Amino acid sequence: MCSVLIVSSSDKGRVMLSELCKSCSLTNIATTSDAERARDLLHKKSFDIIIINSPLSDESGKELSLFIAENYYTGVLLLVKKDNADEVSALVQDAGVFVLHKPVNRYLFSQSIKLILAYSKRIRGLYNKTIKLETKIEETQLINRAKCVLIQYLKMTESQAHRYIEKQAMDLRRPKRAIAESIIKTYEY
């Protein structure tokens, strides 16, 4: 189920945007009135979409949208006055912030939500792949470091060190990473 955070200084704006979200089948909706509270909520909970109805009472909304886009893997929809929509869009679009002008067209809002959800899903998928790759690289580096330790202290060849780590992992039924950490701890600390 998709979670939405609506940031709007006016009660009327929060109610209107909540109704628009419900018409898009989004029911897990949280609301707040300013950027500071939004930042606090973001530290406690993650959201799939964040809708910012600018201006906010404590800032324009542009700053918050850029902060979220740079620090979180979530879709951001910034609602701005029609007069400066193009100008604001040019400032935030490279960060991945979607901009709609007010008054909000129900159809455009619905289409924007669909695009943002697809975008967020893709970004989170890429983020998860990146984390897996970084973990794998870290593990490989650790195992290579353990091989170097075995080569240095036990005078093994690279293939002997590799085989030793694999055999220890199989025999002890532990991951190669744990064996590598144990080797490094034994000989370098």
C-alpha atoms as a PDB file:
ATOM      1  CA  MET A   1       0.000   0.000   0.000  1.00  0.00           C
ATOM      2  CA  CYS A   2       1.390   3.392  -1.021  1.00  0.00           C
ATOM      3  CA  SER A   3       1.982   5.965   1.661  1.00  0.00           C
ATOM      4  CA  VAL A   4       1.568   9.667   0.995  1.00  0.00           C
ATOM      5  CA  LEU A   5       2.682  12.721   2.929  1.00  0.00           C
ATOM      6  CA  ILE A   6       0.843  15.939   2.168  1.00  0.00           C
ATOM      7  CA  VAL A   7       2.558  19.149   3.240  1.00  0.00           C
ATOM      8  CA  SER A   8       0.252  22.158   3.070  1.00  0.00           C
ATOM      9  CA  SER A   9      -0.029  25.227   5.269  1.00  0.00           C
ATOM     10  CA  SER A  10      -3.778  25.493   4.809  1.00  0.00           C
ATOM     11  CA  ASP A  11      -6.361  23.114   6.203  1.00  0.00           C
ATOM     12  CA  LYS A  12      -8.342  23.518   2.994  1.00  0.00           C
ATOM     13  CA  GLY A  13      -5.313  22.458   0.933  1.00  0.00           C
ATOM     14  CA  ARG A  14      -4.692  19.376   3.068  1.00  0.00           C
ATOM     15  CA  VAL A  15      -8.335  18.311   2.791  1.00  0.00           C
ATOM     16  CA  MET A  16      -8.492  18.920  -0.972  1.00  0.00           C
ATOM     17  CA  LEU A  17      -5.240  17.030  -1.626  1.00  0.00           C
ATOM     18  CA  SER A  18      -6.337  14.176   0.635  1.00  0.00           C
ATOM     19  CA  GLU A  19      -9.543  13.859  -1.382  1.00  0.00           C
ATOM     20  CA  LEU A  20      -7.578  13.900  -4.645  1.00  0.00           C
ATOM     21  CA  CYS A  21      -5.295  11.168  -3.303  1.00  0.00           C
ATOM     22  CA  LYS A  22      -8.268   9.073  -2.244  1.00  0.00           C
ATOM     23  CA  SER A  23      -9.708   9.427  -5.757  1.00  0.00           C
ATOM     24  CA  CYS A  24      -6.393   7.927  -6.993  1.00  0.00           C
ATOM     25  CA  SER A  25      -6.870   4.958  -4.598  1.00  0.00           C
ATOM     26  CA  LEU A  26      -4.253   6.229  -2.169  1.00  0.00           C
ATOM     27  CA  THR A  27      -5.537   5.754   1.352  1.00  0.00           C
ATOM     28  CA  ASN A  28      -2.458   5.707   3.583  1.00  0.00           C
ATOM     29  CA  ILE A  29      -2.223   9.491   3.898  1.00  0.00           C
ATOM     30  CA  ALA A  30      -0.405  11.613   6.472  1.00  0.00           C
ATOM     31  CA  THR A  31      -0.574  15.397   6.527  1.00  0.00           C
ATOM     32  CA  THR A  32       1.457  18.166   8.058  1.00  0.00           C
ATOM     33  CA  SER A  33       1.419  21.942   7.891  1.00  0.00           C
ATOM     34  CA  ASP A  34       5.045  22.982   7.446  1.00  0.00           C
ATOM     35  CA  ALA A  35       8.487  21.966   6.218  1.00  0.00           C
ATOM     36  CA  GLU A  36       9.978  21.509   9.677  1.00  0.00           C
ATOM     37  CA  ARG A  37       7.311  18.999  10.692  1.00  0.00           C
ATOM     38  CA  ALA A  38       7.644  17.269   7.322  1.00  0.00           C
ATOM     39  CA  ARG A  39      11.385  16.805   7.897  1.00  0.00           C
ATOM     40  CA  ASP A  40      10.678  15.378  11.362  1.00  0.00           C
ATOM     41  CA  LEU A  41       8.166  12.923   9.898  1.00  0.00           C
ATOM     42  CA  LEU A  42      10.638  11.864   7.201  1.00  0.00           C
ATOM     43  CA  HIS A  43      13.184  10.924   9.873  1.00  0.00           C
ATOM     44  CA  LYS A  44      10.608   8.632  11.485  1.00  0.00           C
ATOM     45  CA  LYS A  45       8.813   7.124   8.491  1.00  0.00           C
ATOM     46  CA  SER A  46       9.274   6.615   4.774  1.00  0.00           C
ATOM     47  CA  PHE A  47       6.712   7.668   2.180  1.00  0.00           C
ATOM     48  CA  ASP A  48       6.186   6.654  -1.439  1.00  0.00           C
ATOM     49  CA  ILE A  49       4.982  10.098  -2.484  1.00  0.00           C
ATOM     50  CA  ILE A  50       5.301  13.508  -0.901  1.00  0.00           C
ATOM     51  CA  ILE A  51       3.015  16.264  -2.125  1.00  0.00           C
ATOM     52  CA  ILE A  52       4.022  19.812  -1.252  1.00  0.00           C
ATOM     53  CA  ASN A  53       1.461  22.583  -1.661  1.00  0.00           C
ATOM     54  CA  SER A  54       3.574  25.725  -1.889  1.00  0.00           C
ATOM     55  CA  PRO A  55       4.088  28.189  -0.412  1.00  0.00           C
ATOM     56  CA  LEU A  56       4.482  26.797   3.083  1.00  0.00           C
ATOM     57  CA  SER A  57       4.354  28.858   6.258  1.00  0.00           C
ATOM     58  CA  ASP A  58       8.060  28.435   6.985  1.00  0.00           C
ATOM     59  CA  GLU A  59       9.523  28.320   3.441  1.00  0.00           C
ATOM     60  CA  SER A  60       8.523  28.360  -0.211  1.00  0.00           C
ATOM     61  CA  GLY A  61       8.291  24.574  -0.595  1.00  0.00           C
ATOM     62  CA  LYS A  62      10.988  24.475  -3.254  1.00  0.00           C
ATOM     63  CA  GLU A  63      13.674  24.007  -0.598  1.00  0.00           C
ATOM     64  CA  LEU A  64      11.804  21.130   1.016  1.00  0.00           C
ATOM     65  CA  SER A  65      11.233  19.426  -2.341  1.00  0.00           C
ATOM     66  CA  LEU A  66      14.954  19.635  -3.171  1.00  0.00           C
ATOM     67  CA  PHE A  67      15.909  18.390   0.295  1.00  0.00           C
ATOM     68  CA  ILE A  68      13.633  15.360  -0.074  1.00  0.00           C
ATOM     69  CA  ALA A  69      14.754  14.599  -3.625  1.00  0.00           C
ATOM     70  CA  GLU A  70      18.420  14.712  -2.595  1.00  0.00           C
ATOM     71  CA  ASN A  71      18.115  12.740   0.650  1.00  0.00           C
ATOM     72  CA  TYR A  72      15.283  10.240   0.203  1.00  0.00           C
ATOM     73  CA  TYR A  73      14.207   7.712  -2.401  1.00  0.00           C
ATOM     74  CA  THR A  74      10.670   8.951  -2.775  1.00  0.00           C
ATOM     75  CA  GLY A  75       8.657  10.776  -5.397  1.00  0.00           C
ATOM     76  CA  VAL A  76       7.989  14.477  -4.859  1.00  0.00           C
ATOM     77  CA  LEU A  77       5.128  16.469  -6.354  1.00  0.00           C
ATOM     78  CA  LEU A  78       5.394  20.222  -5.881  1.00  0.00           C
ATOM     79  CA  LEU A  79       2.259  22.294  -6.447  1.00  0.00           C
ATOM     80  CA  VAL A  80       2.974  25.926  -7.340  1.00  0.00           C
ATOM     81  CA  LYS A  81       1.108  28.968  -8.588  1.00  0.00           C
ATOM     82  CA  LYS A  82       0.586  28.956 -12.331  1.00  0.00           C
ATOM     83  CA  ASP A  83       2.529  32.235 -12.731  1.00  0.00           C
ATOM     84  CA  ASN A  84       5.860  30.756 -11.665  1.00  0.00           C
ATOM     85  CA  ALA A  85       5.396  27.058 -12.487  1.00  0.00           C
ATOM     86  CA  ASP A  86       7.868  27.086 -15.382  1.00  0.00           C
ATOM     87  CA  GLU A  87      10.495  28.945 -13.377  1.00  0.00           C
ATOM     88  CA  VAL A  88      10.200  26.616 -10.363  1.00  0.00           C
ATOM     89  CA  SER A  89      10.113  23.554 -12.594  1.00  0.00           C
ATOM     90  CA  ALA A  90      13.389  24.585 -14.224  1.00  0.00           C
ATOM     91  CA  LEU A  91      14.986  24.856 -10.774  1.00  0.00           C
ATOM     92  CA  VAL A  92      13.823  21.492  -9.383  1.00  0.00           C
ATOM     93  CA  GLN A  93      13.326  19.147 -12.335  1.00  0.00           C
ATOM     94  CA  ASP A  94      16.969  18.000 -12.465  1.00  0.00           C
ATOM     95  CA  ALA A  95      16.583  16.757  -8.892  1.00  0.00           C
ATOM     96  CA  GLY A  96      13.610  14.632  -9.956  1.00  0.00           C
ATOM     97  CA  VAL A  97      10.861  16.801  -8.513  1.00  0.00           C
ATOM     98  CA  PHE A  98       7.571  16.835 -10.430  1.00  0.00           C
ATOM     99  CA  VAL A  99       5.795  20.194 -10.661  1.00  0.00           C
ATOM    100  CA  LEU A 100       2.092  20.881 -11.241  1.00  0.00           C
ATOM    101  CA  HIS A 101       0.529  24.313 -11.318  1.00  0.00           C
ATOM    102  CA  LYS A 102      -2.488  25.365  -9.287  1.00  0.00           C
ATOM    103  CA  PRO A 103      -5.419  25.158  -9.572  1.00  0.00           C
ATOM    104  CA  VAL A 104      -4.895  21.415  -9.834  1.00  0.00           C
ATOM    105  CA  ASN A 105      -6.566  19.552 -12.673  1.00  0.00           C
ATOM    106  CA  ARG A 106      -7.912  16.226 -11.345  1.00  0.00           C
ATOM    107  CA  TYR A 107      -6.831  14.279 -14.455  1.00  0.00           C
ATOM    108  CA  LEU A 108      -3.304  15.752 -14.505  1.00  0.00           C
ATOM    109  CA  PHE A 109      -2.997  15.069 -10.784  1.00  0.00           C
ATOM    110  CA  SER A 110      -3.981  11.441 -11.284  1.00  0.00           C
ATOM    111  CA  GLN A 111      -1.543  10.998 -14.175  1.00  0.00           C
ATOM    112  CA  SER A 112       1.230  12.683 -12.185  1.00  0.00           C
ATOM    113  CA  ILE A 113       0.654  10.345  -9.244  1.00  0.00           C
ATOM    114  CA  LYS A 114       0.915   7.323 -11.564  1.00  0.00           C
ATOM    115  CA  LEU A 115       4.157   8.637 -13.071  1.00  0.00           C
ATOM    116  CA  ILE A 116       5.618   9.444  -9.671  1.00  0.00           C
ATOM    117  CA  LEU A 117       4.780   5.983  -8.333  1.00  0.00           C
ATOM    118  CA  ALA A 118       6.445   4.359 -11.351  1.00  0.00           C
ATOM    119  CA  TYR A 119       9.446   6.660 -10.961  1.00  0.00           C
ATOM    120  CA  SER A 120       9.738   5.934  -7.231  1.00  0.00           C
ATOM    121  CA  LYS A 121       9.506   2.195  -7.782  1.00  0.00           C
ATOM    122  CA  ARG A 122      12.270   2.335 -10.383  1.00  0.00           C
ATOM    123  CA  ILE A 123      14.504   4.535  -8.208  1.00  0.00           C
ATOM    124  CA  ARG A 124      14.061   2.234  -5.198  1.00  0.00           C
ATOM    125  CA  GLY A 125      14.829  -0.787  -7.364  1.00  0.00           C
ATOM    126  CA  LEU A 126      18.029   0.854  -8.567  1.00  0.00           C
ATOM    127  CA  TYR A 127      18.894   1.820  -5.000  1.00  0.00           C
ATOM    128  CA  ASN A 128      18.413  -1.787  -3.819  1.00  0.00           C
ATOM    129  CA  LYS A 129      20.597  -3.075  -6.667  1.00  0.00           C
ATOM    130  CA  THR A 130      23.262  -0.536  -5.765  1.00  0.00           C
ATOM    131  CA  ILE A 131      23.232  -1.653  -2.126  1.00  0.00           C
ATOM    132  CA  LYS A 132      23.574  -5.304  -3.166  1.00  0.00           C
ATOM    133  CA  LEU A 133      26.476  -4.479  -5.472  1.00  0.00           C
ATOM    134  CA  GLU A 134      28.209  -2.379  -2.833  1.00  0.00           C
ATOM    135  CA  THR A 135      27.835  -5.228  -0.333  1.00  0.00           C
ATOM    136  CA  LYS A 136      29.239  -7.717  -2.837  1.00  0.00           C
ATOM    137  CA  ILE A 137      32.191  -5.418  -3.627  1.00  0.00           C
ATOM    138  CA  GLU A 138      32.881  -4.937   0.083  1.00  0.00           C
ATOM    139  CA  GLU A 139      32.762  -8.699   0.636  1.00  0.00           C
ATOM    140  CA  THR A 140      35.116  -9.332  -2.292  1.00  0.00           C
ATOM    141  CA  GLN A 141      37.556  -6.735  -0.975  1.00  0.00           C
ATOM    142  CA  LEU A 142      37.451  -8.315   2.473  1.00  0.00           C
ATOM    143  CA  ILE A 143      38.092 -11.790   1.058  1.00  0.00           C
ATOM    144  CA  ASN A 144      40.959 -10.448  -1.065  1.00  0.00           C
ATOM    145  CA  ARG A 145      42.431  -8.779   1.996  1.00  0.00           C
ATOM    146  CA  ALA A 146      42.202 -12.092   3.880  1.00  0.00           C
ATOM    147  CA  LYS A 147      43.966 -13.815   0.968  1.00  0.00           C
ATOM    148  CA  CYS A 148      46.754 -11.244   1.167  1.00  0.00           C
ATOM    149  CA  VAL A 149      47.069 -11.906   4.898  1.00  0.00           C
ATOM    150  CA  LEU A 150      47.355 -15.660   4.261  1.00  0.00           C
ATOM    151  CA  ILE A 151      49.919 -15.035   1.534  1.00  0.00           C
ATOM    152  CA  GLN A 152      51.937 -12.724   3.776  1.00  0.00           C
ATOM    153  CA  TYR A 153      51.843 -14.678   7.032  1.00  0.00           C
ATOM    154  CA  LEU A 154      51.436 -18.308   5.922  1.00  0.00           C
ATOM    155  CA  LYS A 155      53.317 -17.986   2.621  1.00  0.00           C
ATOM    156  CA  MET A 156      50.412 -19.432   0.609  1.00  0.00           C
ATOM    157  CA  THR A 157      49.894 -18.800  -3.072  1.00  0.00           C
ATOM    158  CA  GLU A 158      46.837 -16.854  -4.155  1.00  0.00           C
ATOM    159  CA  SER A 159      45.053 -20.030  -5.282  1.00  0.00           C
ATOM    160  CA  GLN A 160      45.935 -21.814  -2.020  1.00  0.00           C
ATOM    161  CA  ALA A 161      44.593 -18.877  -0.010  1.00  0.00           C
ATOM    162  CA  HIS A 162      41.425 -18.845  -2.098  1.00  0.00           C
ATOM    163  CA  ARG A 163      40.942 -22.584  -1.639  1.00  0.00           C
ATOM    164  CA  TYR A 164      41.665 -22.311   2.099  1.00  0.00           C
ATOM    165  CA  ILE A 165      38.931 -19.683   2.582  1.00  0.00           C
ATOM    166  CA  GLU A 166      36.425 -21.676   0.514  1.00  0.00           C
ATOM    167  CA  LYS A 167      37.213 -24.918   2.371  1.00  0.00           C
ATOM    168  CA  GLN A 168      36.944 -23.252   5.771  1.00  0.00           C
ATOM    169  CA  ALA A 169      33.577 -21.761   4.774  1.00  0.00           C
ATOM    170  CA  MET A 170      32.296 -25.184   3.678  1.00  0.00           C
ATOM    171  CA  ASP A 171      33.720 -27.106   6.623  1.00  0.00           C
ATOM    172  CA  LEU A 172      32.509 -24.640   9.230  1.00  0.00           C
ATOM    173  CA  ARG A 173      29.277 -23.861   7.371  1.00  0.00           C
ATOM    174  CA  ARG A 174      29.920 -20.161   7.609  1.00  0.00           C
ATOM    175  CA  PRO A 175      29.944 -17.478   4.930  1.00  0.00           C
ATOM    176  CA  LYS A 176      33.261 -16.692   3.265  1.00  0.00           C
ATOM    177  CA  ARG A 177      32.947 -13.177   4.631  1.00  0.00           C
ATOM    178  CA  ALA A 178      32.963 -14.474   8.214  1.00  0.00           C
ATOM    179  CA  ILE A 179      36.004 -16.655   7.495  1.00  0.00           C
ATOM    180  CA  ALA A 180      37.799 -13.679   5.932  1.00  0.00           C
ATOM    181  CA  GLU A 181      36.989 -11.483   8.938  1.00  0.00           C
ATOM    182  CA  SER A 182      38.289 -14.187  11.272  1.00  0.00           C
ATOM    183  CA  ILE A 183      41.550 -14.506   9.315  1.00  0.00           C
ATOM    184  CA  ILE A 184      42.108 -10.755   9.324  1.00  0.00           C
ATOM    185  CA  LYS A 185      41.329 -10.534  13.026  1.00  0.00           C
ATOM    186  CA  THR A 186      43.710 -13.400  13.812  1.00  0.00           C
ATOM    187  CA  TYR A 187      46.707 -12.064  11.929  1.00  0.00           C
ATOM    188  CA  GLU A 188      46.320  -8.301  11.864  1.00  0.00           C
ATOM    189  CA  TYR A 189      44.975  -7.391  15.285  1.00  0.00           C
END
